[in-house]
Protein backbone atom coordinates (compact mmCIF):
# COMPACT_ATOMS: atom_id res chain seq x y z
CA MET A 1 -2.07 -7.60 -20.88
CA MET A 2 1.09 -6.43 -22.85
CA GLN A 3 0.59 -3.88 -25.58
CA ILE A 4 2.48 -4.56 -28.71
CA PRO A 5 3.47 -1.12 -30.65
CA THR A 6 1.39 -0.94 -33.79
CA THR A 7 3.60 1.97 -35.23
CA ILE A 8 7.01 3.03 -35.01
CA ASP A 9 8.62 6.45 -34.10
CA PHE A 10 11.08 6.32 -36.89
CA ARG A 11 12.73 9.54 -35.51
CA SER A 12 13.26 7.76 -32.39
CA LEU A 13 14.64 4.44 -34.15
CA SER A 14 17.32 6.52 -36.01
CA ARG A 15 18.47 8.20 -32.95
CA SER A 16 18.81 4.83 -31.23
CA LEU A 17 20.66 3.52 -34.19
CA SER A 18 23.06 6.21 -34.42
CA ILE A 19 24.69 5.26 -30.98
CA VAL A 20 24.74 1.36 -31.89
CA ALA A 21 28.43 1.78 -32.72
CA LEU A 22 29.09 3.45 -29.36
CA ALA A 23 26.76 1.74 -27.23
CA ALA A 24 26.54 -2.09 -28.16
CA VAL A 25 25.51 -7.28 -24.98
CA ALA A 26 26.65 -8.15 -21.77
CA GLY A 27 23.96 -8.06 -19.09
CA THR A 28 20.72 -6.74 -18.28
CA ALA A 29 19.99 -5.67 -14.81
CA SER A 30 16.75 -5.00 -12.76
CA PRO A 31 15.53 -1.80 -11.26
CA ALA A 32 14.72 -1.99 -7.57
CA PHE A 33 11.25 -2.79 -6.63
CA GLY A 34 11.28 0.63 -4.46
CA ASP A 35 12.17 2.71 -7.51
CA ASP A 36 8.25 3.26 -8.22
CA PRO A 37 8.41 2.14 -11.83
CA VAL A 38 5.97 3.73 -14.17
CA VAL A 39 2.98 1.74 -15.44
CA ALA A 40 3.33 1.89 -19.25
CA GLY A 41 0.42 -0.01 -20.45
CA ALA A 42 -2.22 -2.43 -19.40
CA GLY A 43 0.22 -4.88 -18.30
CA GLY A 44 2.42 -2.65 -15.99
CA ILE A 45 6.11 -2.70 -16.66
CA THR A 46 8.87 -4.94 -17.59
CA GLU A 47 12.48 -5.87 -19.30
CA ILE A 48 14.27 -8.55 -21.31
CA GLU A 49 15.96 -11.59 -19.93
CA GLU A 50 18.23 -12.08 -22.84
CA ALA A 51 18.59 -15.00 -21.70
CA ILE A 52 17.59 -16.16 -23.53
CA LEU A 53 20.42 -16.57 -21.08
CA GLY A 54 22.35 -14.22 -23.57
CA PRO A 55 25.97 -12.86 -23.46
CA GLY A 56 25.37 -10.94 -19.85
CA ARG A 57 23.82 -14.08 -18.38
CA LYS A 58 26.62 -16.45 -19.12
CA PRO A 59 30.02 -16.54 -19.88
CA ALA A 60 30.54 -16.29 -23.64
CA THR A 61 31.38 -19.68 -25.05
CA PRO A 62 34.29 -19.63 -27.55
CA ASP A 63 33.65 -20.75 -31.16
CA LYS A 64 36.08 -23.59 -30.74
CA LYS A 65 36.89 -26.27 -28.16
CA PRO A 66 40.33 -27.24 -26.65
CA GLY A 67 42.15 -29.48 -29.03
CA ASP A 68 40.71 -28.20 -32.08
CA ALA A 69 44.04 -27.18 -33.69
CA ALA A 70 45.83 -30.63 -32.52
CA ALA A 71 42.80 -32.42 -34.28
CA GLY A 72 43.81 -30.85 -37.50
CA LYS A 73 41.12 -28.38 -37.58
CA GLU A 74 41.62 -24.84 -39.09
CA GLU A 75 43.71 -22.45 -36.58
CA GLN A 76 41.25 -19.51 -35.58
CA SER A 77 42.05 -16.09 -34.06
CA PRO A 78 42.17 -15.52 -30.40
CA PHE A 79 39.99 -12.37 -30.96
CA HIS A 80 36.30 -12.81 -31.16
CA LEU A 81 33.86 -9.73 -31.60
CA GLY A 82 30.17 -9.45 -31.82
CA PHE A 83 27.57 -6.79 -32.26
CA SER A 84 23.80 -7.14 -32.04
CA VAL A 85 20.65 -4.98 -31.96
CA ASP A 86 17.13 -5.98 -30.53
CA TRP A 87 13.91 -4.48 -30.88
CA SER A 88 11.65 -5.61 -27.72
CA THR A 89 8.14 -5.39 -26.66
CA HIS A 90 9.16 -5.28 -22.84
CA TYR A 91 12.12 -4.61 -20.69
CA LEU A 92 11.61 -7.66 -18.36
CA SER A 93 14.77 -9.19 -16.60
CA ARG A 94 14.79 -12.01 -14.20
CA GLY A 95 11.05 -11.61 -13.43
CA ILE A 96 11.38 -8.03 -12.67
CA VAL A 97 9.07 -5.98 -15.18
CA THR A 98 9.87 -2.34 -15.97
CA GLU A 99 8.63 -1.49 -19.26
CA THR A 100 5.87 -2.83 -21.42
CA GLY A 101 5.03 -0.22 -23.97
CA GLY A 102 6.37 2.15 -26.55
CA PHE A 103 9.46 1.46 -28.77
CA ILE A 104 12.39 -0.31 -26.89
CA LEU A 105 15.89 -0.56 -28.71
CA GLN A 106 18.77 -2.48 -27.16
CA PRO A 107 22.06 -2.61 -28.96
CA ALA A 108 25.18 -4.53 -27.41
CA ALA A 109 28.71 -5.53 -28.21
CA THR A 110 30.88 -8.07 -26.93
CA PHE A 111 34.67 -8.77 -27.17
CA SER A 112 36.79 -11.84 -25.96
CA TYR A 113 40.22 -12.72 -26.15
CA ASP A 114 41.63 -16.34 -25.87
CA ILE A 115 44.42 -16.10 -23.38
CA ILE A 116 45.33 -20.01 -23.49
CA SER A 117 44.24 -22.42 -25.93
CA ASN A 118 45.47 -25.89 -25.78
CA ASP A 119 44.44 -29.55 -25.94
CA ASP A 120 43.23 -29.17 -22.15
CA ILE A 121 41.91 -25.85 -21.61
CA MET A 122 40.74 -22.59 -23.26
CA LEU A 123 40.90 -19.51 -20.92
CA SER A 124 39.09 -16.57 -22.38
CA ALA A 125 38.69 -12.69 -21.28
CA ASN A 126 35.37 -11.39 -21.83
CA PHE A 127 34.13 -7.92 -22.00
CA GLY A 128 30.79 -6.33 -23.04
CA THR A 129 28.40 -3.64 -23.12
CA TRP A 130 24.45 -3.57 -23.35
CA ASN A 131 22.07 -0.71 -23.45
CA SER A 132 18.41 -0.06 -23.72
CA PHE A 133 16.52 2.96 -25.02
CA HIS A 134 12.98 3.63 -24.46
CA ASP A 135 10.82 6.26 -26.30
CA LYS A 136 8.66 6.18 -23.07
CA LYS A 137 11.66 7.60 -21.20
CA THR A 138 11.09 5.12 -18.59
CA LEU A 139 11.44 6.55 -15.09
CA SER A 140 13.61 9.40 -16.37
CA LYS A 141 14.29 12.17 -13.92
CA VAL A 142 16.44 14.11 -16.44
CA GLY A 143 13.59 15.33 -18.83
CA ASP A 144 12.81 14.58 -22.45
CA GLY A 145 15.81 14.86 -24.24
CA PHE A 146 18.18 11.95 -25.57
CA ARG A 147 19.37 11.12 -22.08
CA GLY A 148 15.75 10.62 -21.08
CA SER A 149 15.40 7.72 -23.52
CA TRP A 150 18.63 6.26 -22.35
CA TYR A 151 17.41 4.05 -19.47
CA GLU A 152 20.25 1.62 -19.12
CA ALA A 153 24.02 1.16 -19.97
CA ASP A 154 25.81 -2.13 -18.72
CA TYR A 155 29.41 -2.97 -18.80
CA THR A 156 30.59 -6.30 -17.82
CA GLY A 157 34.29 -8.02 -17.79
CA GLY A 158 35.37 -11.47 -16.46
CA LEU A 159 36.92 -14.85 -17.60
CA SER A 160 35.48 -18.21 -18.90
CA ALA A 161 37.31 -21.32 -19.11
CA VAL A 162 36.27 -24.14 -21.38
CA LEU A 163 37.28 -27.67 -19.97
CA GLY A 164 36.02 -30.31 -22.29
CA ASP A 165 32.50 -30.01 -22.41
CA PHE A 166 32.13 -27.80 -19.43
CA THR A 167 32.16 -23.86 -19.63
CA VAL A 168 32.73 -21.92 -16.20
CA GLY A 169 32.80 -18.36 -15.90
CA LEU A 170 33.39 -15.43 -13.51
CA THR A 171 31.79 -11.88 -14.31
CA TYR A 172 31.46 -8.51 -12.70
CA GLY A 173 28.74 -6.27 -13.90
CA TRP A 174 28.23 -2.64 -13.60
CA TYR A 175 24.52 -1.67 -14.41
CA ASN A 176 24.01 2.12 -14.76
CA TYR A 177 21.07 4.34 -15.50
CA PRO A 178 21.71 7.59 -17.79
CA ASN A 179 18.30 8.85 -17.19
CA ASN A 180 18.44 8.44 -13.38
CA GLY A 181 15.57 6.06 -13.55
CA ALA A 182 17.26 3.47 -11.01
CA THR A 183 20.26 3.32 -8.95
CA GLN A 184 23.55 1.80 -10.19
CA THR A 185 23.72 -1.75 -9.63
CA GLU A 186 26.73 -4.07 -9.42
CA GLU A 187 26.96 -7.88 -9.05
CA VAL A 188 29.26 -10.83 -9.27
CA ILE A 189 27.98 -13.56 -11.69
CA VAL A 190 29.40 -16.92 -11.51
CA ALA A 191 28.14 -19.42 -14.26
CA ALA A 192 28.56 -22.89 -15.52
CA THR A 193 27.08 -24.90 -18.66
CA TYR A 194 27.55 -28.16 -20.03
CA ASP A 195 27.46 -29.12 -23.58
CA ASP A 196 25.75 -32.62 -23.58
CA SER A 197 25.41 -32.91 -27.36
CA ALA A 198 28.22 -35.71 -27.25
CA VAL A 199 25.73 -37.74 -25.06
CA MET A 200 22.16 -36.53 -25.98
CA GLY A 201 22.90 -36.04 -29.73
CA ALA A 202 20.07 -34.13 -31.24
CA PHE A 203 18.28 -34.18 -27.81
CA SER A 204 21.02 -32.27 -26.16
CA LEU A 205 19.71 -29.77 -23.21
CA LYS A 206 22.96 -27.75 -22.57
CA PRO A 207 21.96 -27.21 -19.06
CA THR A 208 23.16 -24.04 -17.54
CA ALA A 209 23.46 -22.42 -13.95
CA LEU A 210 24.14 -18.98 -12.73
CA VAL A 211 24.60 -17.46 -9.32
CA PHE A 212 24.17 -13.61 -8.94
CA ILE A 213 25.43 -11.90 -6.00
CA GLU A 214 24.75 -8.34 -5.28
CA THR A 215 27.56 -6.16 -4.22
CA ALA A 216 26.60 -2.57 -4.46
CA ASP A 217 23.83 -0.14 -3.08
CA GLY A 218 21.37 -0.77 -6.19
CA PHE A 219 19.39 -3.94 -5.23
CA THR A 220 17.23 -6.03 -7.39
CA ASP A 221 14.55 -5.98 -5.01
CA GLY A 222 15.02 -2.56 -3.46
CA ILE A 223 15.71 -3.79 0.07
CA GLY A 224 19.51 -4.99 0.61
CA ARG A 225 21.97 -7.09 -1.09
CA GLY A 226 20.76 -10.49 -2.22
CA VAL A 227 21.82 -13.57 -3.88
CA GLY A 228 19.94 -15.17 -6.84
CA LEU A 229 19.99 -18.42 -8.83
CA GLN A 230 19.07 -19.07 -12.33
CA VAL A 231 18.97 -22.53 -14.06
CA GLY A 232 17.93 -23.26 -17.43
CA ILE A 233 18.19 -25.52 -20.31
CA THR A 234 18.17 -24.98 -24.15
CA PRO A 235 16.83 -27.81 -26.28
CA GLY A 236 16.86 -27.17 -29.88
CA ILE A 237 17.51 -28.50 -33.46
CA ASP A 238 19.11 -27.35 -36.87
CA LEU A 239 16.35 -27.09 -39.42
CA PRO A 240 17.66 -28.82 -42.60
CA ILE A 241 16.14 -26.37 -45.04
CA SER A 242 19.03 -27.00 -47.48
CA GLU A 243 22.70 -28.05 -47.35
CA ASN A 244 23.83 -24.46 -46.74
CA PHE A 245 20.89 -23.15 -45.16
CA LYS A 246 20.01 -24.50 -41.65
CA PRO A 247 18.09 -22.03 -39.43
CA ARG A 248 18.44 -22.99 -35.55
CA LEU A 249 15.10 -23.62 -33.58
CA ASP A 250 15.96 -23.41 -29.68
CA LEU A 251 13.45 -23.62 -26.77
CA PRO A 252 15.01 -21.64 -23.74
CA ILE A 253 13.65 -22.72 -20.69
CA ASN A 254 14.90 -20.86 -17.25
CA ALA A 255 13.69 -20.47 -13.79
CA GLY A 256 15.06 -17.89 -11.28
CA PHE A 257 14.98 -18.41 -7.47
CA SER A 258 16.24 -16.22 -4.44
CA LEU A 259 19.17 -17.93 -2.40
CA HIS A 260 19.18 -14.98 0.00
CA ASP A 261 16.97 -11.89 0.00
CA TYR A 262 16.72 -11.60 -3.91
CA TYR A 263 12.85 -11.54 -4.21
CA GLN A 264 11.83 -9.71 -1.45
CA ASP A 265 8.44 -7.65 -0.53
CA VAL A 266 9.55 -4.13 -0.37
CA ALA A 267 6.98 -3.61 2.41
CA THR A 268 7.39 -6.37 4.63
CA GLY A 269 10.81 -7.65 4.00
CA ASP A 270 9.50 -11.15 3.19
CA ASP A 271 11.66 -13.02 0.73
CA ASP A 272 10.10 -15.35 -2.17
CA VAL A 273 12.17 -18.41 -3.04
CA PHE A 274 10.42 -18.48 -6.56
CA GLY A 275 11.11 -15.56 -8.52
CA TYR A 276 10.03 -16.58 -12.13
CA PHE A 277 9.90 -19.29 -15.13
CA SER A 278 10.20 -18.66 -18.70
CA VAL A 279 9.88 -20.69 -21.73
CA GLY A 280 9.55 -19.74 -25.40
CA PRO A 281 10.91 -20.38 -28.91
CA LYS A 282 13.79 -18.81 -30.27
CA LEU A 283 14.49 -18.79 -34.29
CA ALA A 284 18.18 -17.80 -35.50
CA ILE A 285 18.26 -17.38 -39.28
CA PRO A 286 21.58 -17.18 -41.08
CA LEU A 287 21.93 -13.97 -43.27
CA PRO A 288 24.17 -14.69 -46.42
CA PHE A 289 26.40 -11.79 -46.43
CA GLY A 290 29.37 -13.38 -48.07
CA GLU A 291 32.59 -14.90 -46.83
CA GLY A 292 34.67 -12.62 -44.63
CA ALA A 293 31.54 -10.50 -43.66
CA GLY A 294 31.17 -12.11 -40.44
CA ASP A 295 28.23 -14.72 -39.11
CA TRP A 296 25.11 -12.66 -39.40
CA LYS A 297 21.79 -13.86 -38.25
CA LEU A 298 17.97 -12.59 -37.82
CA ASN A 299 16.93 -13.41 -34.38
CA MET A 300 13.25 -13.85 -33.40
CA ALA A 301 11.86 -14.90 -29.98
CA ALA A 302 8.73 -15.07 -28.09
CA THR A 303 8.91 -15.56 -24.39
CA PHE A 304 6.26 -16.67 -21.90
CA TRP A 305 6.94 -15.39 -18.28
CA PHE A 306 5.19 -16.71 -15.31
CA LEU A 307 6.17 -14.45 -12.27
CA GLY A 308 6.13 -15.33 -8.16
CA ASP A 309 4.27 -13.14 -5.88
CA ASN A 310 6.91 -10.52 -5.04
CA ALA A 311 8.12 -10.18 -8.64
CA SER A 312 4.64 -9.87 -10.04
CA LYS A 313 4.25 -6.73 -7.70
CA THR A 314 6.52 -5.26 -10.28
CA ASN A 315 3.91 -5.99 -12.93
CA ASN A 316 0.66 -4.65 -11.01
CA ASP A 317 0.38 -8.26 -9.31
CA ASP A 318 -0.19 -9.62 -12.94
CA LYS A 319 1.70 -13.13 -12.80
CA THR A 320 1.96 -13.56 -16.63
CA GLU A 321 3.53 -11.51 -19.51
CA VAL A 322 4.22 -12.26 -23.11
CA GLN A 323 7.50 -10.79 -24.75
CA PHE A 324 8.31 -10.53 -28.21
CA THR A 325 11.87 -9.82 -29.50
CA VAL A 326 13.42 -9.37 -33.12
CA GLY A 327 17.01 -8.41 -33.71
CA VAL A 328 19.98 -8.88 -35.92
CA SER A 329 23.45 -9.91 -34.79
CA VAL A 330 27.04 -10.54 -36.17
CA SER A 331 30.08 -12.11 -35.02
CA PHE A 332 33.62 -12.37 -36.08
């Protein structure tokens, strides 16, 4: 099935790392079924779900809640900035498989500003960019240069509001393909998540729901504008290694469905309600770079994917995949 790289092209790595400052996460789009994706490896093709819902899959949750200042907690800056870079064995998003081989590097950046912050509500403006570089030059129609490796460049902007334990968000995403491997995709993302830790304690699930409404000519399934739904939970625990060192172990569980023409068969037009199911552990290890250097983490994840009938057609009809991701993130 999936092939894990046993060697790393360090020239490719250095080229990709050089653009992290310019191309940094917000959302991961999915190329159309009809784009005739290249088979790369025994398992077919693929992407990342970063979601893991990830910054592009739900509105960024502020690092404080309404009422923190009034409760005597330390006042925080209204500006929030984050950077990350991930290496992944796959490009696999919402059950759509695009690449499974070679070296895949995915740098990202997010910025948010708290417009309103009081005892009742926190309203934030969020902006982000997410990029994917493939040394196999997935679907490239521009040759073998640097642009041929630059498969995707995404940009998102929107608003999120924290109301007690609920966070709701409205985001617009533009997903572009510098190597012309797919058609630009645009969508509206409506998201909601509930922090149930006050009720469930250590057994909190943090349920999240997202609706994706396609609005432009590039479509997930290559046929027409559709509407998709993703629901998930993220149970997890802090590992008490020591008082000052507590890695976080989560188990994101997500499922994707078509509400209208989201997982269609490109040949017949038939729509699958079920798109995918994914589950797998994610470990976040704090990196001690000292006070004032930001909140650094080493992130590792293994995601097991189970694909629906139409989604599996992007993967040579293979309905299962295993994806591994390793990365570093910092937030301020």
